[in-house]
Amino acid sequence: MRKSRFSEGQIIGLLKEYQAGIGANANGRNA
């Protein structure tokens, strides 16, 4: 059994949301 707190799908989703948030903040506030 794999000892992982998150499934791969959850990790990918979190990374995508994290990157989207950074992009939105950089493009919206700093541009």
PDB file of N, CA and C in Angstrom:
ATOM      1  N   MET A   1       0.831  -1.208   0.000  1.00  0.00           N
ATOM      2  CA  MET A   1       0.000   0.000   0.000  1.00  0.00           C
ATOM      3  C   MET A   1       0.866   1.259   0.000  1.00  0.00           C
ATOM      4  N   ARG A   2       0.381   2.269  -0.684  1.00  0.00           N
ATOM      5  CA  ARG A   2       1.116   3.528  -0.742  1.00  0.00           C
ATOM      6  C   ARG A   2       0.695   4.410   0.423  1.00  0.00           C
ATOM      7  N   LYS A   3       1.668   4.977   1.100  1.00  0.00           N
ATOM      8  CA  LYS A   3       1.372   5.891   2.203  1.00  0.00           C
ATOM      9  C   LYS A   3       1.370   7.313   1.650  1.00  0.00           C
ATOM     10  N   SER A   4       0.237   7.742   1.158  1.00  0.00           N
ATOM     11  CA  SER A   4       0.152   9.092   0.623  1.00  0.00           C
ATOM     12  C   SER A   4      -1.083   9.764   1.199  1.00  0.00           C
ATOM     13  N   ARG A   5      -0.944  11.002   1.576  1.00  0.00           N
ATOM     14  CA  ARG A   5      -2.064  11.740   2.162  1.00  0.00           C
ATOM     15  C   ARG A   5      -3.069  12.123   1.090  1.00  0.00           C
ATOM     16  N   PHE A   6      -2.579  12.390  -0.108  1.00  0.00           N
ATOM     17  CA  PHE A   6      -3.448  12.832  -1.188  1.00  0.00           C
ATOM     18  C   PHE A   6      -3.320  11.884  -2.367  1.00  0.00           C
ATOM     19  N   SER A   7      -4.372  11.802  -3.139  1.00  0.00           N
ATOM     20  CA  SER A   7      -4.295  11.030  -4.375  1.00  0.00           C
ATOM     21  C   SER A   7      -3.630  11.895  -5.435  1.00  0.00           C
ATOM     22  N   GLU A   8      -3.171  11.271  -6.511  1.00  0.00           N
ATOM     23  CA  GLU A   8      -2.495  12.044  -7.564  1.00  0.00           C
ATOM     24  C   GLU A   8      -3.448  13.084  -8.146  1.00  0.00           C
ATOM     25  N   GLY A   9      -4.709  12.711  -8.296  1.00  0.00           N
ATOM     26  CA  GLY A   9      -5.686  13.652  -8.848  1.00  0.00           C
ATOM     27  C   GLY A   9      -5.841  14.878  -7.964  1.00  0.00           C
ATOM     28  N   GLN A  10      -5.848  14.666  -6.646  1.00  0.00           N
ATOM     29  CA  GLN A  10      -5.985  15.802  -5.736  1.00  0.00           C
ATOM     30  C   GLN A  10      -4.770  16.708  -5.824  1.00  0.00           C
ATOM     31  N   ILE A  11      -3.582  16.117  -5.897  1.00  0.00           N
ATOM     32  CA  ILE A  11      -2.350  16.907  -5.984  1.00  0.00           C
ATOM     33  C   ILE A  11      -2.350  17.739  -7.265  1.00  0.00           C
ATOM     34  N   ILE A  12      -2.712  17.109  -8.379  1.00  0.00           N
ATOM     35  CA  ILE A  12      -2.739  17.824  -9.655  1.00  0.00           C
ATOM     36  C   ILE A  12      -3.736  18.976  -9.588  1.00  0.00           C
ATOM     37  N   GLY A  13      -4.904  18.722  -9.008  1.00  0.00           N
ATOM     38  CA  GLY A  13      -5.921  19.768  -8.894  1.00  0.00           C
ATOM     39  C   GLY A  13      -5.422  20.931  -8.048  1.00  0.00           C
ATOM     40  N   LEU A  14      -4.767  20.608  -6.936  1.00  0.00           N
ATOM     41  CA  LEU A  14      -4.258  21.667  -6.066  1.00  0.00           C
ATOM     42  C   LEU A  14      -3.192  22.483  -6.782  1.00  0.00           C
ATOM     43  N   LEU A  15      -2.298  21.807  -7.507  1.00  0.00           N
ATOM     44  CA  LEU A  15      -1.244  22.520  -8.225  1.00  0.00           C
ATOM     45  C   LEU A  15      -1.840  23.438  -9.284  1.00  0.00           C
ATOM     46  N   LYS A  16      -2.852  22.958  -9.994  1.00  0.00           N
ATOM     47  CA  LYS A  16      -3.471  23.780 -11.038  1.00  0.00           C
ATOM     48  C   LYS A  16      -4.137  25.003 -10.421  1.00  0.00           C
ATOM     49  N   GLU A  17      -4.848  24.816  -9.314  1.00  0.00           N
ATOM     50  CA  GLU A  17      -5.501  25.950  -8.667  1.00  0.00           C
ATOM     51  C   GLU A  17      -4.464  26.928  -8.138  1.00  0.00           C
ATOM     52  N   TYR A  18      -3.366  26.394  -7.589  1.00  0.00           N
ATOM     53  CA  TYR A  18      -2.298  27.229  -7.037  1.00  0.00           C
ATOM     54  C   TYR A  18      -1.676  28.079  -8.138  1.00  0.00           C
ATOM     55  N   GLN A  19      -1.362  27.451  -9.271  1.00  0.00           N
ATOM     56  CA  GLN A  19      -0.751  28.179 -10.383  1.00  0.00           C
ATOM     57  C   GLN A  19      -1.737  29.188 -10.968  1.00  0.00           C
ATOM     58  N   ALA A  20      -3.005  28.814 -11.045  1.00  0.00           N
ATOM     59  CA  ALA A  20      -4.011  29.729 -11.580  1.00  0.00           C
ATOM     60  C   ALA A  20      -4.136  30.950 -10.674  1.00  0.00           C
ATOM     61  N   GLY A  21      -4.058  30.733  -9.366  1.00  0.00           N
ATOM     62  CA  GLY A  21      -4.148  31.845  -8.424  1.00  0.00           C
ATOM     63  C   GLY A  21      -2.976  32.794  -8.580  1.00  0.00           C
ATOM     64  N   ILE A  22      -1.775  32.250  -8.743  1.00  0.00           N
ATOM     65  CA  ILE A  22      -0.585  33.083  -8.924  1.00  0.00           C
ATOM     66  C   ILE A  22      -0.722  33.887 -10.223  1.00  0.00           C
ATOM     67  N   GLY A  23      -1.139  33.233 -11.284  1.00  0.00           N
ATOM     68  CA  GLY A  23      -1.285  33.916 -12.567  1.00  0.00           C
ATOM     69  C   GLY A  23      -2.311  35.037 -12.480  1.00  0.00           C
ATOM     70  N   ALA A  24      -3.431  34.780 -11.800  1.00  0.00           N
ATOM     71  CA  ALA A  24      -4.479  35.789 -11.683  1.00  0.00           C
ATOM     72  C   ALA A  24      -3.972  36.979 -10.873  1.00  0.00           C
ATOM     73  N   ASN A  25      -3.253  36.702  -9.789  1.00  0.00           N
ATOM     74  CA  ASN A  25      -2.744  37.781  -8.944  1.00  0.00           C
ATOM     75  C   ASN A  25      -1.698  38.598  -9.689  1.00  0.00           C
ATOM     76  N   ALA A  26      -0.791  37.932 -10.391  1.00  0.00           N
ATOM     77  CA  ALA A  26       0.280  38.624 -11.092  1.00  0.00           C
ATOM     78  C   ALA A  26      -0.290  39.470 -12.234  1.00  0.00           C
ATOM     79  N   ASN A  27      -1.224  38.902 -12.978  1.00  0.00           N
ATOM     80  CA  ASN A  27      -1.758  39.610 -14.138  1.00  0.00           C
ATOM     81  C   ASN A  27      -2.730  40.710 -13.724  1.00  0.00           C
ATOM     82  N   GLY A  28      -3.463  40.497 -12.652  1.00  0.00           N
ATOM     83  CA  GLY A  28      -4.490  41.456 -12.258  1.00  0.00           C
ATOM     84  C   GLY A  28      -3.938  42.608 -11.436  1.00  0.00           C
ATOM     85  N   ARG A  29      -3.136  42.296 -10.423  1.00  0.00           N
ATOM     86  CA  ARG A  29      -2.723  43.325  -9.477  1.00  0.00           C
ATOM     87  C   ARG A  29      -1.462  44.055  -9.923  1.00  0.00           C
ATOM     88  N   ASN A  30      -0.510  43.314 -10.477  1.00  0.00           N
ATOM     89  CA  ASN A  30       0.798  43.901 -10.761  1.00  0.00           C
ATOM     90  C   ASN A  30       0.892  44.466 -12.171  1.00  0.00           C
ATOM     91  N   ALA A  31       0.028  44.027 -13.063  1.00  0.00           N
ATOM     92  CA  ALA A  31       0.140  44.460 -14.454  1.00  0.00           C
ATOM     93  C   ALA A  31      -0.303  45.921 -14.574  1.00  0.00           C
TER      94      ALA A  31
END
